[in-house]
Amino acid sequence: MKLGYARCSTKDQNLEQQRKALRAAGCERIFEDVASGAKEDRPELARLLDMARRGDTIVVWKLDRLARSIRHLIRVADALKAGGIHFHSLTDNRAMRESW
């Protein structure tokens, strides 16, 4: 199953661009938080990580929507890998393909 995660930092920002991209990528369910990336308490991210199962793919619009720092991103990626959960970043993957 493809599971999407969208986050914006403030209520003044809009999640619609992320939602559209995640739906277009085939996400069956999208979890959304409105919280600063530096904030550790992101309940929807916690729900997503709890729900994801081996073979699932977690999709984000951009890496900075998921992690607070490189260190945090590595921790999350390691946990996903250990659980057999795939990860895909829509915009960062495109940028990496174009640079190769």
N, C-alpha and C. Protein backbone atom coordinates (compact mmCIF):
# COMPACT_ATOMS: atom_id res chain seq x y z
N MET A 1 0.85 -1.17 0.00
CA MET A 1 0.00 0.00 0.00
C MET A 1 0.90 1.24 0.00
N LYS A 2 0.50 2.26 -0.75
CA LYS A 2 1.21 3.54 -0.73
C LYS A 2 0.52 4.46 0.27
N LEU A 3 1.32 4.97 1.20
CA LEU A 3 0.83 5.87 2.24
C LEU A 3 1.55 7.20 2.10
N GLY A 4 0.80 8.28 2.04
CA GLY A 4 1.40 9.60 1.88
C GLY A 4 1.48 10.36 3.19
N TYR A 5 2.46 11.25 3.26
CA TYR A 5 2.58 12.14 4.42
C TYR A 5 2.82 13.55 3.92
N ALA A 6 1.98 14.48 4.40
CA ALA A 6 2.09 15.89 4.04
C ALA A 6 2.19 16.71 5.33
N ARG A 7 3.01 17.77 5.27
CA ARG A 7 3.15 18.63 6.44
C ARG A 7 3.38 20.05 5.98
N CYS A 8 2.74 20.97 6.67
CA CYS A 8 3.08 22.38 6.50
C CYS A 8 3.35 22.94 7.89
N SER A 9 4.07 24.04 7.94
CA SER A 9 4.55 24.57 9.22
C SER A 9 3.52 25.39 9.98
N THR A 10 2.64 26.06 9.26
CA THR A 10 1.66 26.93 9.93
C THR A 10 0.28 26.75 9.31
N LYS A 11 -0.73 27.18 10.03
CA LYS A 11 -2.10 27.09 9.52
C LYS A 11 -2.32 28.02 8.33
N ASP A 12 -1.44 29.01 8.15
CA ASP A 12 -1.55 29.93 7.02
C ASP A 12 -1.09 29.29 5.71
N GLN A 13 -0.35 28.20 5.80
CA GLN A 13 0.13 27.51 4.61
C GLN A 13 -0.90 26.49 4.16
N ASN A 14 -0.77 26.05 2.91
CA ASN A 14 -1.76 25.18 2.31
C ASN A 14 -1.13 23.83 1.94
N LEU A 15 -1.81 22.76 2.26
CA LEU A 15 -1.34 21.42 1.96
C LEU A 15 -1.78 20.91 0.59
N GLU A 16 -2.56 21.69 -0.14
CA GLU A 16 -3.19 21.19 -1.37
C GLU A 16 -2.19 20.72 -2.42
N GLN A 17 -1.09 21.43 -2.62
CA GLN A 17 -0.09 21.02 -3.61
C GLN A 17 0.48 19.64 -3.25
N GLN A 18 0.75 19.43 -1.97
CA GLN A 18 1.26 18.14 -1.53
C GLN A 18 0.19 17.05 -1.71
N ARG A 19 -1.04 17.35 -1.33
CA ARG A 19 -2.13 16.38 -1.48
C ARG A 19 -2.27 15.92 -2.93
N LYS A 20 -2.29 16.88 -3.84
CA LYS A 20 -2.45 16.56 -5.27
C LYS A 20 -1.31 15.66 -5.75
N ALA A 21 -0.09 16.00 -5.37
CA ALA A 21 1.06 15.21 -5.80
C ALA A 21 1.01 13.80 -5.21
N LEU A 22 0.63 13.68 -3.96
CA LEU A 22 0.55 12.37 -3.31
C LEU A 22 -0.56 11.52 -3.92
N ARG A 23 -1.71 12.13 -4.21
CA ARG A 23 -2.79 11.39 -4.87
C ARG A 23 -2.36 10.93 -6.26
N ALA A 24 -1.69 11.82 -6.99
CA ALA A 24 -1.22 11.47 -8.34
C ALA A 24 -0.19 10.34 -8.29
N ALA A 25 0.53 10.23 -7.20
CA ALA A 25 1.52 9.16 -7.04
C ALA A 25 0.88 7.85 -6.61
N GLY A 26 -0.43 7.87 -6.39
CA GLY A 26 -1.15 6.64 -6.07
C GLY A 26 -1.31 6.35 -4.59
N CYS A 27 -1.12 7.34 -3.74
CA CYS A 27 -1.28 7.12 -2.29
C CYS A 27 -2.74 6.81 -1.98
N GLU A 28 -2.95 5.73 -1.24
CA GLU A 28 -4.29 5.31 -0.87
C GLU A 28 -4.78 6.03 0.37
N ARG A 29 -3.85 6.49 1.18
CA ARG A 29 -4.19 7.23 2.39
C ARG A 29 -3.12 8.28 2.62
N ILE A 30 -3.55 9.48 3.03
CA ILE A 30 -2.62 10.58 3.26
C ILE A 30 -2.78 11.06 4.70
N PHE A 31 -1.67 11.14 5.39
CA PHE A 31 -1.62 11.64 6.76
C PHE A 31 -1.09 13.07 6.71
N GLU A 32 -1.69 13.97 7.48
CA GLU A 32 -1.32 15.39 7.41
C GLU A 32 -1.09 15.97 8.79
N ASP A 33 -0.02 16.73 8.93
CA ASP A 33 0.26 17.48 10.15
C ASP A 33 0.44 18.94 9.79
N VAL A 34 0.03 19.81 10.69
CA VAL A 34 0.35 21.23 10.62
C VAL A 34 1.21 21.49 11.84
N ALA A 35 2.53 21.50 11.61
CA ALA A 35 3.48 21.65 12.71
C ALA A 35 4.83 22.01 12.14
N SER A 36 5.59 22.75 12.89
CA SER A 36 6.95 23.08 12.50
C SER A 36 7.74 21.80 12.33
N GLY A 37 8.66 21.79 11.36
CA GLY A 37 9.51 20.63 11.16
C GLY A 37 10.40 20.36 12.36
N ALA A 38 10.67 21.38 13.16
CA ALA A 38 11.52 21.21 14.34
C ALA A 38 10.75 20.59 15.50
N LYS A 39 9.44 20.60 15.40
CA LYS A 39 8.60 20.08 16.47
C LYS A 39 8.58 18.55 16.44
N GLU A 40 8.83 17.94 17.58
CA GLU A 40 8.85 16.48 17.63
C GLU A 40 7.45 15.88 17.68
N ASP A 41 6.48 16.59 18.22
CA ASP A 41 5.14 16.06 18.35
C ASP A 41 4.36 16.25 17.06
N ARG A 42 4.38 15.23 16.23
CA ARG A 42 3.60 15.23 14.99
C ARG A 42 2.75 13.97 15.00
N PRO A 43 1.53 14.08 15.52
CA PRO A 43 0.70 12.89 15.75
C PRO A 43 0.37 12.11 14.48
N GLU A 44 0.17 12.77 13.36
CA GLU A 44 -0.17 12.04 12.14
C GLU A 44 1.04 11.28 11.60
N LEU A 45 2.22 11.84 11.76
CA LEU A 45 3.43 11.11 11.37
C LEU A 45 3.57 9.86 12.23
N ALA A 46 3.32 10.00 13.51
CA ALA A 46 3.39 8.84 14.42
C ALA A 46 2.36 7.78 14.00
N ARG A 47 1.14 8.21 13.65
CA ARG A 47 0.11 7.26 13.20
C ARG A 47 0.53 6.55 11.91
N LEU A 48 1.11 7.32 10.98
CA LEU A 48 1.57 6.75 9.72
C LEU A 48 2.64 5.68 9.98
N LEU A 49 3.64 6.03 10.79
CA LEU A 49 4.72 5.09 11.06
C LEU A 49 4.22 3.85 11.78
N ASP A 50 3.19 4.02 12.60
CA ASP A 50 2.61 2.89 13.31
C ASP A 50 1.79 2.00 12.37
N MET A 51 1.16 2.60 11.38
CA MET A 51 0.28 1.87 10.47
C MET A 51 1.06 1.14 9.36
N ALA A 52 2.18 1.71 8.95
CA ALA A 52 2.94 1.14 7.82
C ALA A 52 3.42 -0.28 8.14
N ARG A 53 3.30 -1.14 7.14
CA ARG A 53 3.67 -2.55 7.28
C ARG A 53 4.70 -2.93 6.22
N ARG A 54 5.36 -4.03 6.45
CA ARG A 54 6.35 -4.55 5.50
C ARG A 54 5.75 -4.56 4.10
N GLY A 55 6.50 -4.03 3.14
CA GLY A 55 6.05 -3.98 1.76
C GLY A 55 5.34 -2.69 1.39
N ASP A 56 4.88 -1.92 2.38
CA ASP A 56 4.24 -0.63 2.10
C ASP A 56 5.29 0.37 1.63
N THR A 57 4.82 1.44 1.01
CA THR A 57 5.70 2.54 0.60
C THR A 57 5.16 3.83 1.20
N ILE A 58 6.03 4.55 1.90
CA ILE A 58 5.68 5.87 2.42
C ILE A 58 6.18 6.89 1.40
N VAL A 59 5.29 7.79 1.00
CA VAL A 59 5.59 8.78 -0.03
C VAL A 59 5.44 10.18 0.57
N VAL A 60 6.44 11.03 0.32
CA VAL A 60 6.36 12.43 0.71
C VAL A 60 6.61 13.29 -0.51
N TRP A 61 6.14 14.52 -0.46
CA TRP A 61 6.36 15.44 -1.56
C TRP A 61 7.82 15.86 -1.61
N LYS A 62 8.42 16.07 -0.41
CA LYS A 62 9.79 16.54 -0.31
C LYS A 62 10.37 16.04 1.01
N LEU A 63 11.66 15.73 1.04
CA LEU A 63 12.28 15.19 2.25
C LEU A 63 12.06 16.05 3.49
N ASP A 64 12.10 17.36 3.33
CA ASP A 64 11.97 18.22 4.51
C ASP A 64 10.57 18.20 5.11
N ARG A 65 9.62 17.59 4.42
CA ARG A 65 8.28 17.43 5.00
C ARG A 65 8.29 16.31 6.05
N LEU A 66 9.20 15.36 5.91
CA LEU A 66 9.25 14.21 6.80
C LEU A 66 10.14 14.43 8.01
N ALA A 67 11.34 14.92 7.80
CA ALA A 67 12.35 14.93 8.86
C ALA A 67 12.74 16.33 9.29
N ARG A 68 13.14 16.43 10.56
CA ARG A 68 13.56 17.70 11.14
C ARG A 68 15.00 18.05 10.79
N SER A 69 15.79 17.04 10.51
CA SER A 69 17.22 17.22 10.25
C SER A 69 17.73 16.01 9.48
N ILE A 70 18.95 16.09 9.00
CA ILE A 70 19.55 14.94 8.33
C ILE A 70 19.63 13.77 9.30
N ARG A 71 20.02 14.05 10.51
CA ARG A 71 20.12 12.99 11.53
C ARG A 71 18.77 12.30 11.74
N HIS A 72 17.70 13.11 11.84
CA HIS A 72 16.36 12.55 12.01
C HIS A 72 15.95 11.75 10.78
N LEU A 73 16.26 12.27 9.59
CA LEU A 73 15.94 11.56 8.35
C LEU A 73 16.63 10.19 8.31
N ILE A 74 17.87 10.14 8.71
CA ILE A 74 18.61 8.87 8.72
C ILE A 74 17.98 7.90 9.70
N ARG A 75 17.59 8.40 10.88
CA ARG A 75 16.93 7.52 11.86
C ARG A 75 15.63 6.95 11.32
N VAL A 76 14.82 7.81 10.71
CA VAL A 76 13.54 7.36 10.16
C VAL A 76 13.79 6.37 9.02
N ALA A 77 14.71 6.69 8.12
CA ALA A 77 15.01 5.81 6.99
C ALA A 77 15.52 4.45 7.47
N ASP A 78 16.37 4.45 8.48
CA ASP A 78 16.87 3.18 9.03
C ASP A 78 15.74 2.35 9.62
N ALA A 79 14.82 3.02 10.34
CA ALA A 79 13.69 2.30 10.94
C ALA A 79 12.77 1.72 9.86
N LEU A 80 12.55 2.49 8.80
CA LEU A 80 11.71 2.00 7.70
C LEU A 80 12.37 0.80 7.03
N LYS A 81 13.65 0.91 6.76
CA LYS A 81 14.38 -0.19 6.12
C LYS A 81 14.33 -1.45 6.98
N ALA A 82 14.53 -1.29 8.28
CA ALA A 82 14.50 -2.45 9.19
C ALA A 82 13.12 -3.11 9.19
N GLY A 83 12.08 -2.32 8.98
CA GLY A 83 10.72 -2.86 8.95
C GLY A 83 10.27 -3.32 7.58
N GLY A 84 11.17 -3.22 6.57
CA GLY A 84 10.80 -3.64 5.22
C GLY A 84 9.84 -2.67 4.54
N ILE A 85 9.87 -1.41 4.97
CA ILE A 85 8.99 -0.38 4.43
C ILE A 85 9.79 0.48 3.46
N HIS A 86 9.25 0.69 2.27
CA HIS A 86 9.92 1.49 1.25
C HIS A 86 9.62 2.97 1.46
N PHE A 87 10.47 3.82 0.90
CA PHE A 87 10.31 5.26 1.04
C PHE A 87 10.55 5.92 -0.31
N HIS A 88 9.71 6.92 -0.62
CA HIS A 88 9.84 7.63 -1.89
C HIS A 88 9.55 9.11 -1.67
N SER A 89 10.47 9.96 -2.12
CA SER A 89 10.27 11.40 -2.10
C SER A 89 10.05 11.85 -3.54
N LEU A 90 8.92 12.48 -3.79
CA LEU A 90 8.55 12.82 -5.16
C LEU A 90 9.48 13.85 -5.80
N THR A 91 9.72 14.96 -5.17
CA THR A 91 10.52 16.01 -5.80
C THR A 91 12.01 15.77 -5.67
N ASP A 92 12.45 15.21 -4.57
CA ASP A 92 13.88 14.97 -4.40
C ASP A 92 14.37 13.88 -5.34
N ASN A 93 13.57 12.86 -5.59
CA ASN A 93 13.97 11.81 -6.54
C ASN A 93 14.10 12.38 -7.95
N ARG A 94 13.18 13.26 -8.33
CA ARG A 94 13.24 13.86 -9.67
C ARG A 94 14.51 14.69 -9.80
N ALA A 95 14.84 15.46 -8.78
CA ALA A 95 16.04 16.29 -8.81
C ALA A 95 17.29 15.43 -8.91
N MET A 96 17.31 14.30 -8.21
CA MET A 96 18.47 13.42 -8.26
C MET A 96 18.60 12.77 -9.63
N ARG A 97 17.49 12.34 -10.23
CA ARG A 97 17.55 11.74 -11.57
C ARG A 97 18.06 12.74 -12.59
N GLU A 98 17.61 14.00 -12.48
CA GLU A 98 18.02 15.01 -13.45
C GLU A 98 19.48 15.38 -13.31
N SER A 99 20.05 15.22 -12.11
CA SER A 99 21.44 15.60 -11.91
C SER A 99 22.41 14.50 -12.32
N TRP A 100 21.92 13.25 -12.52
CA TRP A 100 22.82 12.15 -12.90
C TRP A 100 23.05 12.20 -14.35
